[in-house]
C-alpha cells in the first residue's frame, strides 16, 4: 500500500494529539491530586468509588443515630439510677414499719417520707432532654405523668436504625416502668404480692395506706411489692445497659468499615506523586521527541526525492 504524505501527516497529528492528551491528563492529576477527575477517566473505578462513598455517607447517618440513642439512653440510665436509689429508701422504710406499725410518730414520718419519695419518683418519670420527655414514648412533648402518677404517654418503643434492617430501642416506656403497663395494672387487683409487672406508684400508695391503718399483713405485702418494684427498675437498667453496649459495638463496627472504605477510596483516587512525576517527565520527553520528529518529516517534499 502506498503511504501518501497526507497519511503520514494524519498519523503524525494523531500521535501528537494522543501524547498531548496523556500529558494533559498527567498534569491535571498532579494539580488536582486525583487519579479520576471525571467518570470517563475510569468508568469502572468511578462506579466503585461512588458506591463506597455512599457507604461512608450511610455510615455517617448511622453514627448520628447512634449518638442520639446514646444521649437518650444515658439520660434514661441516670433517671433509672435515681429511681433505684429511691426504691432502696422505700424498701427500708417499709421494712422498718413491720415491727413499729403502731407507733404514731413513726407512722407520720413514714407516710410523709413515702409521699415525698413517690413524688420524686414521678418527677424522675418526667425527665427531659431539651423539650422531650424520655419516658413519654412517641407522645414526648408533654409530661407523661401528672402529680398523682397517672401516665398519659405511649408505650411504643422509639428505635434508631444502626444498620440496614437493624435497629435499637433508645427508650424505656414510662407506663411499663412505673405503672406496670398501660393501663396501669394496679397493686390491689388480685395479683399476688411481690409479682411483676408491678404498678410502683399504686404499690407505694397502698403501702402508705397500710402503714396509716397499721395493717401489719398489708405492710408485709407492701415490702414484697417494693422488692418487685425495685427489681422492675433494675431490669430496666439492665435493658438500657444492653442497648448502650449494642450501640457502642455498632459504632465501632461502622467506624472500622468507614476507615476501610476510605482507605480503598484513597488508594483508587489519590495520586502517587512520585510515580506521576516520573510518568510526566517521560511523557514530556516523548512528546517533545515526537514534535521534533514530526517537524523534520513535515519539511520533506517531492523535491527531496528528485
Protein backbone atom coordinates (compact mmCIF):
# COMPACT_ATOMS: atom_id res chain seq x y z
CA UNK A 1 0.00 0.00 0.00
CA UNK A 2 1.32 3.39 -0.92
CA UNK A 3 1.78 5.72 2.06
CA UNK A 4 0.98 9.24 0.99
CA UNK A 5 2.28 12.40 2.62
CA UNK A 6 -1.27 13.10 3.77
CA UNK A 7 -1.48 9.77 5.55
CA UNK A 8 1.87 10.41 7.17
CA UNK A 9 0.71 13.84 8.32
CA UNK A 10 -2.57 12.48 9.70
CA UNK A 11 -0.77 9.72 11.58
CA UNK A 12 1.76 12.16 12.99
CA UNK A 13 -1.02 14.53 14.06
CA UNK A 14 -2.93 11.67 15.73
CA UNK A 15 0.14 10.59 17.68
CA UNK A 16 0.79 14.17 18.75
CA UNK A 17 -2.81 14.54 19.94
CA UNK A 18 -2.56 11.30 21.91
CA UNK A 19 0.68 12.40 23.50
CA UNK A 20 -0.74 15.84 24.30
CA UNK A 21 -3.84 14.24 25.82
CA UNK A 22 -1.76 11.94 28.04
CA UNK A 23 0.43 14.86 29.04
CA UNK A 24 -2.60 17.00 29.91
CA UNK A 25 -4.09 14.11 31.92
CA UNK A 26 -0.93 13.68 33.99
CA UNK A 27 -0.69 17.43 34.61
CA UNK A 28 -4.36 17.52 35.69
CA UNK A 29 -3.87 14.56 38.05
CA UNK A 30 -0.86 16.18 39.69
CA UNK A 31 -2.67 19.52 40.01
CA UNK A 32 -5.87 18.01 41.45
CA UNK A 33 -4.29 15.20 43.44
CA UNK A 34 -6.87 12.80 41.99
CA UNK A 35 -6.36 9.98 39.52
CA UNK A 36 -10.00 10.20 38.43
CA UNK A 37 -11.32 13.70 37.69
CA UNK A 38 -14.30 12.70 35.58
CA UNK A 39 -16.23 9.44 35.11
CA UNK A 40 -14.78 8.92 31.65
CA UNK A 41 -11.27 8.67 33.12
CA UNK A 42 -12.13 5.23 34.59
CA UNK A 43 -15.84 4.30 34.49
CA UNK A 44 -15.45 1.07 36.50
CA UNK A 45 -13.39 2.64 39.29
CA UNK A 46 -15.73 5.64 39.31
CA UNK A 47 -18.72 3.38 39.96
CA UNK A 48 -16.83 1.58 42.73
CA UNK A 49 -15.74 4.84 44.36
CA UNK A 50 -19.28 6.26 44.27
CA UNK A 51 -20.64 3.07 45.88
CA UNK A 52 -18.03 3.26 48.63
CA UNK A 53 -18.65 6.97 49.19
CA UNK A 54 -22.35 6.18 49.59
CA UNK A 55 -21.34 3.58 52.18
CA UNK A 56 -19.35 6.21 54.10
CA UNK A 57 -22.26 8.67 53.95
CA UNK A 58 -24.68 5.97 55.10
CA UNK A 59 -22.34 5.20 57.99
CA UNK A 60 -22.32 8.88 58.98
CA UNK A 61 -26.12 8.79 59.27
CA UNK A 62 -26.00 5.65 61.39
CA UNK A 63 -23.34 7.25 63.63
CA UNK A 64 -25.62 10.27 64.06
CA UNK A 65 -28.47 7.93 65.05
CA UNK A 66 -26.19 6.12 67.50
CA UNK A 67 -25.09 9.39 69.10
CA UNK A 68 -28.72 10.41 69.57
CA UNK A 69 -29.56 7.00 71.00
CA UNK A 70 -26.61 7.09 73.41
CA UNK A 71 -27.61 10.53 74.69
CA UNK A 72 -31.21 9.40 75.19
CA UNK A 73 -30.20 6.15 76.88
CA UNK A 74 -27.61 7.94 79.02
CA UNK A 75 -30.22 10.35 80.39
CA UNK A 76 -32.62 7.43 80.87
CA UNK A 77 -29.98 5.49 82.80
CA UNK A 78 -29.32 8.48 85.07
CA UNK A 79 -33.04 8.73 85.83
CA UNK A 80 -33.25 4.98 86.48
CA UNK A 81 -30.29 5.20 88.86
CA UNK A 82 -32.18 7.86 90.80
CA UNK A 83 -35.30 5.70 90.82
CA UNK A 84 -33.30 2.72 92.08
CA UNK A 85 -31.97 4.81 94.95
CA UNK A 86 -35.50 5.94 95.81
CA UNK A 87 -36.79 2.37 95.81
CA UNK A 88 -34.00 1.34 98.19
CA UNK A 89 -35.19 4.04 100.61
CA UNK A 90 -38.82 2.98 100.19
CA UNK A 91 -37.92 -0.65 100.94
CA UNK A 92 -36.00 0.40 104.04
CA UNK A 93 -38.95 2.45 105.36
CA UNK A 94 -41.40 -0.36 104.62
CA UNK A 95 -39.20 -2.96 106.32
CA UNK A 96 -38.76 -0.78 109.41
CA UNK A 97 -42.51 -0.33 109.72
CA UNK A 98 -43.23 -4.06 110.03
CA UNK A 99 -42.23 -4.03 113.70
CA UNK A 100 -43.25 -0.44 114.51
CA UNK A 101 -46.54 -0.17 112.65
CA UNK A 102 -48.46 1.16 115.69
CA UNK A 103 -46.08 3.96 116.70
CA UNK A 104 -47.87 7.22 115.80
CA UNK A 105 -44.69 9.24 115.27
CA UNK A 106 -43.14 6.51 113.11
CA UNK A 107 -46.34 6.27 111.10
CA UNK A 108 -46.40 10.03 110.48
CA UNK A 109 -42.73 10.15 109.50
CA UNK A 110 -43.02 7.07 107.28
CA UNK A 111 -46.08 8.28 105.39
CA UNK A 112 -44.53 11.75 104.88
CA UNK A 113 -41.27 10.28 103.61
CA UNK A 114 -43.01 7.79 101.35
CA UNK A 115 -45.19 10.53 99.85
CA UNK A 116 -42.12 12.63 99.13
CA UNK A 117 -40.28 9.68 97.65
CA UNK A 118 -43.26 8.85 95.44
CA UNK A 119 -43.32 12.46 94.22
CA UNK A 120 -39.60 12.27 93.46
CA UNK A 121 -40.21 9.06 91.53
CA UNK A 122 -42.88 10.81 89.46
CA UNK A 123 -40.53 13.77 88.89
CA UNK A 124 -37.89 11.38 87.56
CA UNK A 125 -40.58 9.85 85.35
CA UNK A 126 -40.90 13.30 83.79
CA UNK A 127 -37.18 13.56 83.00
CA UNK A 128 -36.49 15.65 79.91
CA UNK A 129 -33.90 16.03 77.17
CA UNK A 130 -34.42 19.55 75.98
CA UNK A 131 -38.18 19.75 75.46
CA UNK A 132 -38.70 16.00 75.10
CA UNK A 133 -39.72 13.63 77.90
CA UNK A 134 -37.65 10.44 77.83
CA UNK A 135 -40.33 8.19 79.34
CA UNK A 136 -43.23 9.56 77.27
CA UNK A 137 -42.87 7.25 74.26
CA UNK A 138 -43.89 8.89 70.99
CA UNK A 139 -46.00 11.43 72.86
CA UNK A 140 -42.94 13.08 74.39
CA UNK A 141 -43.80 16.76 74.02
CA UNK A 142 -45.84 16.85 77.25
CA UNK A 143 -45.14 15.44 80.72
CA UNK A 144 -46.14 11.74 80.73
CA UNK A 145 -47.04 11.70 84.46
CA UNK A 146 -49.32 14.07 86.32
CA UNK A 147 -48.90 14.92 90.01
CA UNK A 148 -50.73 11.76 91.13
CA UNK A 149 -48.72 9.49 88.83
CA UNK A 150 -51.31 8.94 86.11
CA UNK A 151 -49.49 8.09 82.87
CA UNK A 152 -50.61 9.82 79.67
CA UNK A 153 -47.76 8.94 77.29
CA UNK A 154 -47.47 5.97 74.96
CA UNK A 155 -45.74 2.64 75.48
CA UNK A 156 -44.27 2.49 71.98
CA UNK A 157 -40.55 1.75 71.67
CA UNK A 158 -38.59 4.53 69.98
CA UNK A 159 -36.00 2.89 67.77
CA UNK A 160 -32.93 4.18 65.95
CA UNK A 161 -31.50 2.47 62.88
CA UNK A 162 -27.90 1.35 63.38
CA UNK A 163 -27.56 -0.64 60.14
CA UNK A 164 -29.72 -1.84 57.32
CA UNK A 165 -32.60 -3.85 58.75
CA UNK A 166 -31.24 -3.38 62.29
CA UNK A 167 -32.47 -1.01 64.98
CA UNK A 168 -32.20 -0.49 68.73
CA UNK A 169 -34.79 0.89 71.16
CA UNK A 170 -33.48 4.01 72.83
CA UNK A 171 -36.23 4.45 75.39
CA UNK A 172 -37.91 2.76 78.33
CA UNK A 173 -41.64 3.34 78.32
CA UNK A 174 -42.90 5.11 81.41
CA UNK A 175 -46.20 3.25 81.61
CA UNK A 176 -44.45 -0.11 81.74
CA UNK A 177 -41.80 1.17 84.14
CA UNK A 178 -43.83 2.87 86.87
CA UNK A 179 -47.37 1.61 86.26
CA UNK A 180 -46.71 -1.96 85.09
CA UNK A 181 -48.30 -1.30 81.71
CA UNK A 182 -50.93 0.85 80.03
CA UNK A 183 -53.49 0.85 81.52
CA UNK A 184 -51.87 0.52 84.93
CA UNK A 185 -52.08 -2.99 86.37
CA UNK A 186 -52.78 -1.83 89.94
CA UNK A 187 -51.29 -3.45 93.04
CA UNK A 188 -54.61 -4.41 94.54
CA UNK A 189 -56.21 -6.05 91.52
CA UNK A 190 -55.95 -9.60 92.81
CA UNK A 191 -52.27 -10.09 91.92
CA UNK A 192 -50.04 -11.90 94.38
CA UNK A 193 -47.87 -9.53 96.41
CA UNK A 194 -44.35 -9.21 95.06
CA UNK A 195 -45.18 -10.21 91.49
CA UNK A 196 -44.33 -8.38 88.30
CA UNK A 197 -45.27 -6.38 86.36
CA UNK A 198 -45.54 -4.04 89.32
CA UNK A 199 -47.55 -0.83 89.46
CA UNK A 200 -44.95 1.03 91.50
CA UNK A 201 -46.97 4.21 92.04
CA UNK A 202 -50.07 2.30 93.16
CA UNK A 203 -47.94 0.00 95.32
CA UNK A 204 -46.47 2.96 97.22
CA UNK A 205 -49.95 4.44 97.69
CA UNK A 206 -51.19 1.13 99.11
CA UNK A 207 -48.12 0.86 101.32
CA UNK A 208 -48.86 4.32 102.71
CA UNK A 209 -52.46 3.24 103.36
CA UNK A 210 -51.28 0.05 105.08
CA UNK A 211 -48.89 1.97 107.34
CA UNK A 212 -51.58 4.54 108.13
CA UNK A 213 -54.02 1.78 109.14
CA UNK A 214 -51.28 -0.14 111.00
CA UNK A 215 -52.08 -3.28 108.99
CA UNK A 216 -49.02 -5.47 109.55
CA UNK A 217 -50.09 -8.04 106.94
CA UNK A 218 -50.58 -5.34 104.31
CA UNK A 219 -47.22 -3.79 105.21
CA UNK A 220 -45.56 -7.17 104.65
CA UNK A 221 -47.25 -7.37 101.26
CA UNK A 222 -46.06 -3.82 100.64
CA UNK A 223 -42.46 -4.84 101.33
CA UNK A 224 -42.83 -7.66 98.82
CA UNK A 225 -44.29 -5.24 96.28
CA UNK A 226 -41.41 -2.82 96.83
CA UNK A 227 -38.92 -5.59 96.15
CA UNK A 228 -40.71 -6.44 92.90
CA UNK A 229 -40.76 -2.73 92.03
CA UNK A 230 -37.03 -2.41 92.67
CA UNK A 231 -36.40 -5.49 90.55
CA UNK A 232 -38.50 -3.96 87.77
CA UNK A 233 -36.35 -0.83 87.76
CA UNK A 234 -33.18 -2.96 87.88
CA UNK A 235 -34.44 -4.90 84.85
CA UNK A 236 -34.97 -1.60 83.01
CA UNK A 237 -31.41 -0.57 83.91
CA UNK A 238 -30.13 -3.85 82.53
CA UNK A 239 -32.07 -3.30 79.29
CA UNK A 240 -30.65 0.20 78.94
CA UNK A 241 -27.11 -1.04 79.60
CA UNK A 242 -27.52 -3.78 77.00
CA UNK A 243 -28.83 -1.33 74.40
CA UNK A 244 -25.97 1.09 75.09
CA UNK A 245 -23.47 -1.73 74.64
CA UNK A 246 -25.10 -2.68 71.37
CA UNK A 247 -24.89 0.93 70.17
CA UNK A 248 -21.21 1.11 71.13
CA UNK A 249 -20.46 -2.13 69.29
CA UNK A 250 -22.33 -0.89 66.23
CA UNK A 251 -20.40 2.40 66.36
CA UNK A 252 -17.07 0.55 66.46
CA UNK A 253 -18.06 -1.62 63.51
CA UNK A 254 -19.27 1.34 61.45
CA UNK A 255 -16.13 3.39 62.13
CA UNK A 256 -13.93 0.42 61.18
CA UNK A 257 -15.91 -0.12 57.98
CA UNK A 258 -15.70 3.56 57.13
CA UNK A 259 -11.95 3.59 57.64
CA UNK A 260 -11.62 0.58 55.35
CA UNK A 261 -13.76 2.21 52.66
CA UNK A 262 -11.87 5.49 52.94
CA UNK A 263 -8.54 3.68 52.56
CA UNK A 264 -9.79 1.88 49.46
CA UNK A 265 -11.14 5.12 48.00
CA UNK A 266 -7.84 6.80 48.73
CA UNK A 267 -5.88 4.02 47.03
CA UNK A 268 -8.07 4.29 43.92
CA UNK A 269 -8.43 8.06 43.84
CA UNK A 270 -5.30 9.70 45.22
CA UNK A 271 -2.31 10.36 43.01
CA UNK A 272 1.04 8.71 43.67
CA UNK A 273 3.05 11.90 43.14
CA UNK A 274 6.41 10.16 42.73
CA UNK A 275 5.03 7.83 40.08
CA UNK A 276 3.05 10.61 38.37
CA UNK A 277 6.05 12.93 38.27
CA UNK A 278 8.15 10.19 36.68
CA UNK A 279 5.47 9.46 34.10
CA UNK A 280 5.05 13.17 33.41
CA UNK A 281 8.77 13.58 32.79
CA UNK A 282 8.82 10.56 30.49
CA UNK A 283 5.72 11.73 28.64
CA UNK A 284 7.13 15.23 28.29
CA UNK A 285 10.32 13.84 26.80
CA UNK A 286 8.39 11.56 24.46
CA UNK A 287 6.10 14.40 23.36
CA UNK A 288 8.97 16.74 22.65
CA UNK A 289 10.71 13.99 20.67
CA UNK A 290 7.53 13.41 18.69
CA UNK A 291 7.26 17.12 17.95
CA UNK A 292 10.85 17.21 16.75
CA UNK A 293 10.43 14.15 14.55
CA UNK A 294 7.18 15.44 13.09
CA UNK A 295 8.77 18.78 12.33
CA UNK A 296 11.52 17.03 10.34
CA UNK A 297 9.06 14.87 8.43
CA UNK A 298 6.85 17.83 7.59
CA UNK A 299 9.76 19.62 5.88
CA UNK A 300 10.11 16.83 3.26
CA UNK A 301 8.64 17.44 -0.19
CA UNK A 302 8.75 15.89 -3.70
CA UNK A 303 11.92 17.84 -4.38
CA UNK A 304 13.71 15.73 -1.74
CA UNK A 305 13.15 12.63 -3.92
CA UNK A 306 14.38 14.17 -7.23
